[in-house]
Amino acid sequence: KYRERQVREFALHAPDTQRLGRTVLNLHGISKSFGERVLVRNFSAMLRAGERIGVIGPNGAGKTTLVRMILGEEQQDAGEIETGANTRIAYFDQLRTLPDPDASVYEAAGNTDWVEIGGRRTHLRSYLEDFLFPTERQQQKVSSLSGGERNRLMLARLLMQPSNLLILDEPT
């Protein structure tokens, strides 16, 4: 029997933040090694407002290490990382560690009833509905969520932070 798939879309909103300047992110001659293993060698790149880039490679190639250097969590061996004065980074990490698994979706989303999104104040319940969490599902425990639902919850939490540069590590 053929089963029709229902396609649902969610609205993606983020809070307003300070406008990006000329410099968003500049990497100048970045290098990083662990012992004899060279992960990044003399890498330079410039990211400007409105651009999107993807970094691909096999596991262990250094993609997450590069992200951690950009975030300042890992020190590069050589080179300079310049982040624009107005750049505010939101980071969606590959581990996606959620708070208390016994918390409801609503509780895990934030410790506030109101969020400022796109210049307007909206109730957290409405915001979560935009991420395909109807009111009744917002009372569900985080531990009972599917992987995709957990990712949507983490993305909703992340986008409540004022940012203008979104870094997704293993977003699929």
Protein backbone atom coordinates (compact mmCIF):
# COMPACT_ATOMS: atom_id res chain seq x y z
CA LYS A 1 0.00 0.00 0.00
CA TYR A 2 1.24 3.47 -0.84
CA ARG A 3 1.27 5.81 2.13
CA GLU A 4 1.14 9.53 1.54
CA ARG A 5 3.85 11.44 3.37
CA GLN A 6 2.84 14.55 5.18
CA VAL A 7 5.33 17.36 4.70
CA ARG A 8 5.49 19.95 7.45
CA GLU A 9 7.46 23.15 7.41
CA PHE A 10 8.61 25.18 10.33
CA ALA A 11 9.28 28.88 10.55
CA LEU A 12 12.84 29.87 11.34
CA HIS A 13 13.11 33.13 13.26
CA ALA A 14 16.04 34.60 15.12
CA PRO A 15 16.34 37.66 17.32
CA ASP A 16 17.58 40.92 15.89
CA THR A 17 21.22 41.58 16.53
CA GLN A 18 23.73 44.25 15.72
CA ARG A 19 24.34 44.62 12.00
CA LEU A 20 27.42 42.89 10.66
CA GLY A 21 30.33 45.08 9.73
CA ARG A 22 32.79 44.55 6.90
CA THR A 23 34.67 41.88 8.78
CA VAL A 24 32.65 38.84 9.79
CA LEU A 25 35.42 36.26 10.01
CA ASN A 26 38.94 36.20 8.58
CA LEU A 27 41.32 33.26 8.88
CA HIS A 28 44.94 34.10 8.04
CA GLY A 29 47.40 31.22 7.60
CA ILE A 30 45.82 28.92 10.21
CA SER A 31 47.68 25.73 11.06
CA LYS A 32 46.94 23.01 13.59
CA SER A 33 48.64 19.70 14.33
CA PHE A 34 48.37 17.03 16.98
CA GLY A 35 51.80 15.45 17.20
CA GLU A 36 52.76 14.33 13.70
CA ARG A 37 49.18 14.55 12.44
CA VAL A 38 48.57 17.80 10.54
CA LEU A 39 44.89 18.74 10.45
CA VAL A 40 45.10 22.25 9.01
CA ARG A 41 48.06 23.73 7.15
CA ASN A 42 48.33 27.44 6.26
CA PHE A 43 44.57 27.83 5.69
CA SER A 44 43.19 31.27 4.87
CA ALA A 45 39.59 32.25 4.22
CA MET A 46 37.36 35.29 4.50
CA LEU A 47 33.65 35.22 5.32
CA ARG A 48 31.56 38.25 4.45
CA ALA A 49 28.01 39.16 5.40
CA GLY A 50 25.43 37.06 3.58
CA GLU A 51 27.84 34.32 2.54
CA ARG A 52 27.37 30.64 3.34
CA ILE A 53 30.17 28.13 3.35
CA GLY A 54 30.40 24.41 3.95
CA VAL A 55 33.41 22.47 5.12
CA ILE A 56 33.31 18.81 4.13
CA GLY A 57 35.65 15.90 4.69
CA PRO A 58 35.88 12.48 6.28
CA ASN A 59 35.70 11.89 10.02
CA GLY A 60 38.92 12.95 11.71
CA ALA A 61 39.86 15.43 8.97
CA GLY A 62 39.75 18.39 11.37
CA LYS A 63 36.37 20.02 10.64
CA THR A 64 35.34 20.25 14.29
CA THR A 65 38.85 21.33 15.29
CA LEU A 66 38.59 24.19 12.80
CA VAL A 67 35.23 25.21 14.29
CA ARG A 68 36.66 25.01 17.82
CA MET A 69 39.53 27.31 16.77
CA ILE A 70 37.05 29.82 15.33
CA LEU A 71 35.10 29.71 18.59
CA GLY A 72 38.29 30.20 20.62
CA GLU A 73 37.94 26.81 22.32
CA GLU A 74 41.09 25.45 20.67
CA GLN A 75 44.30 27.39 20.04
CA GLN A 76 45.77 27.28 16.54
CA ASP A 77 49.49 26.51 16.22
CA ALA A 78 50.01 29.34 13.75
CA GLY A 79 48.08 32.06 12.01
CA GLU A 80 45.45 34.53 13.12
CA ILE A 81 41.69 34.32 13.49
CA GLU A 82 39.97 37.69 13.24
CA THR A 83 36.33 37.96 14.22
CA GLY A 84 34.48 41.15 13.38
CA ALA A 85 33.64 43.53 16.24
CA ASN A 86 29.91 43.05 15.58
CA THR A 87 30.06 39.30 14.93
CA ARG A 88 27.98 37.26 17.39
CA ILE A 89 28.33 33.50 16.87
CA ALA A 90 25.65 30.91 17.61
CA TYR A 91 27.06 27.37 17.56
CA PHE A 92 25.04 24.21 16.92
CA ASP A 93 27.44 21.48 18.06
CA GLN A 94 27.42 17.90 16.89
CA LEU A 95 26.82 16.50 20.40
CA ARG A 96 23.70 18.61 20.97
CA THR A 97 23.62 18.07 24.70
CA LEU A 98 20.21 18.98 26.07
CA PRO A 99 19.54 19.95 29.65
CA ASP A 100 17.56 17.77 32.03
CA PRO A 101 15.95 14.90 30.06
CA ASP A 102 13.09 14.90 32.59
CA ALA A 103 12.23 18.53 31.76
CA SER A 104 9.33 19.27 29.44
CA VAL A 105 10.01 20.68 25.97
CA TYR A 106 8.70 24.02 27.21
CA GLU A 107 11.00 24.02 30.28
CA ALA A 108 14.02 22.95 28.23
CA ALA A 109 13.43 25.69 25.64
CA GLY A 110 14.20 28.48 28.06
CA ASN A 111 13.68 30.01 31.43
CA THR A 112 11.38 32.73 30.16
CA ASP A 113 7.79 32.96 28.96
CA TRP A 114 8.56 35.67 26.40
CA VAL A 115 11.20 35.89 23.67
CA GLU A 116 12.19 38.77 21.41
CA ILE A 117 12.25 37.47 17.84
CA GLY A 118 12.59 39.60 14.72
CA GLY A 119 11.94 42.79 16.64
CA ARG A 120 8.71 41.59 18.19
CA ARG A 121 7.90 40.03 21.52
CA THR A 122 6.27 36.61 21.32
CA HIS A 123 5.27 33.98 23.84
CA LEU A 124 7.58 30.99 24.12
CA ARG A 125 4.63 28.66 23.36
CA SER A 126 4.02 30.40 20.02
CA TYR A 127 7.72 30.36 19.22
CA LEU A 128 7.87 26.60 19.89
CA GLU A 129 4.83 26.07 17.65
CA ASP A 130 6.89 27.59 14.82
CA PHE A 131 9.34 24.70 15.42
CA LEU A 132 6.51 22.14 15.11
CA PHE A 133 5.91 21.70 18.84
CA PRO A 134 2.16 22.19 19.31
CA THR A 135 1.07 23.18 22.81
CA GLU A 136 0.26 19.61 23.87
CA ARG A 137 3.71 18.37 22.72
CA GLN A 138 5.42 21.11 24.74
CA GLN A 139 4.51 19.21 27.92
CA GLN A 140 6.28 16.07 26.67
CA LYS A 141 9.55 15.12 28.37
CA VAL A 142 12.75 15.79 26.46
CA SER A 143 13.80 12.15 26.97
CA SER A 144 10.84 10.99 24.82
CA LEU A 145 11.74 13.12 21.79
CA SER A 146 13.01 11.62 18.55
CA GLY A 147 16.42 12.68 17.25
CA GLY A 148 14.86 15.14 14.80
CA GLU A 149 12.66 16.64 17.50
CA ARG A 150 15.66 17.07 19.79
CA ASN A 151 17.52 18.83 16.99
CA ARG A 152 14.57 21.18 16.40
CA LEU A 153 14.42 21.95 20.14
CA MET A 154 18.16 22.67 20.23
CA LEU A 155 17.87 24.89 17.17
CA ALA A 156 14.96 26.79 18.75
CA ARG A 157 17.04 27.33 21.91
CA LEU A 158 20.05 28.41 19.89
CA LEU A 159 18.13 30.91 17.78
CA MET A 160 16.79 32.67 20.87
CA GLN A 161 20.33 33.99 21.39
CA PRO A 162 21.24 37.22 19.62
CA SER A 163 23.62 36.18 16.85
CA ASN A 164 24.48 36.99 13.26
CA LEU A 165 26.78 34.07 12.42
CA LEU A 166 25.41 30.56 12.72
CA ILE A 167 27.89 27.66 12.79
CA LEU A 168 26.37 24.20 12.36
CA ASP A 169 28.63 21.21 13.14
CA GLU A 170 27.17 18.07 11.52
CA PRO A 171 23.74 19.65 11.03
CA THR A 172 22.14 16.56 9.49
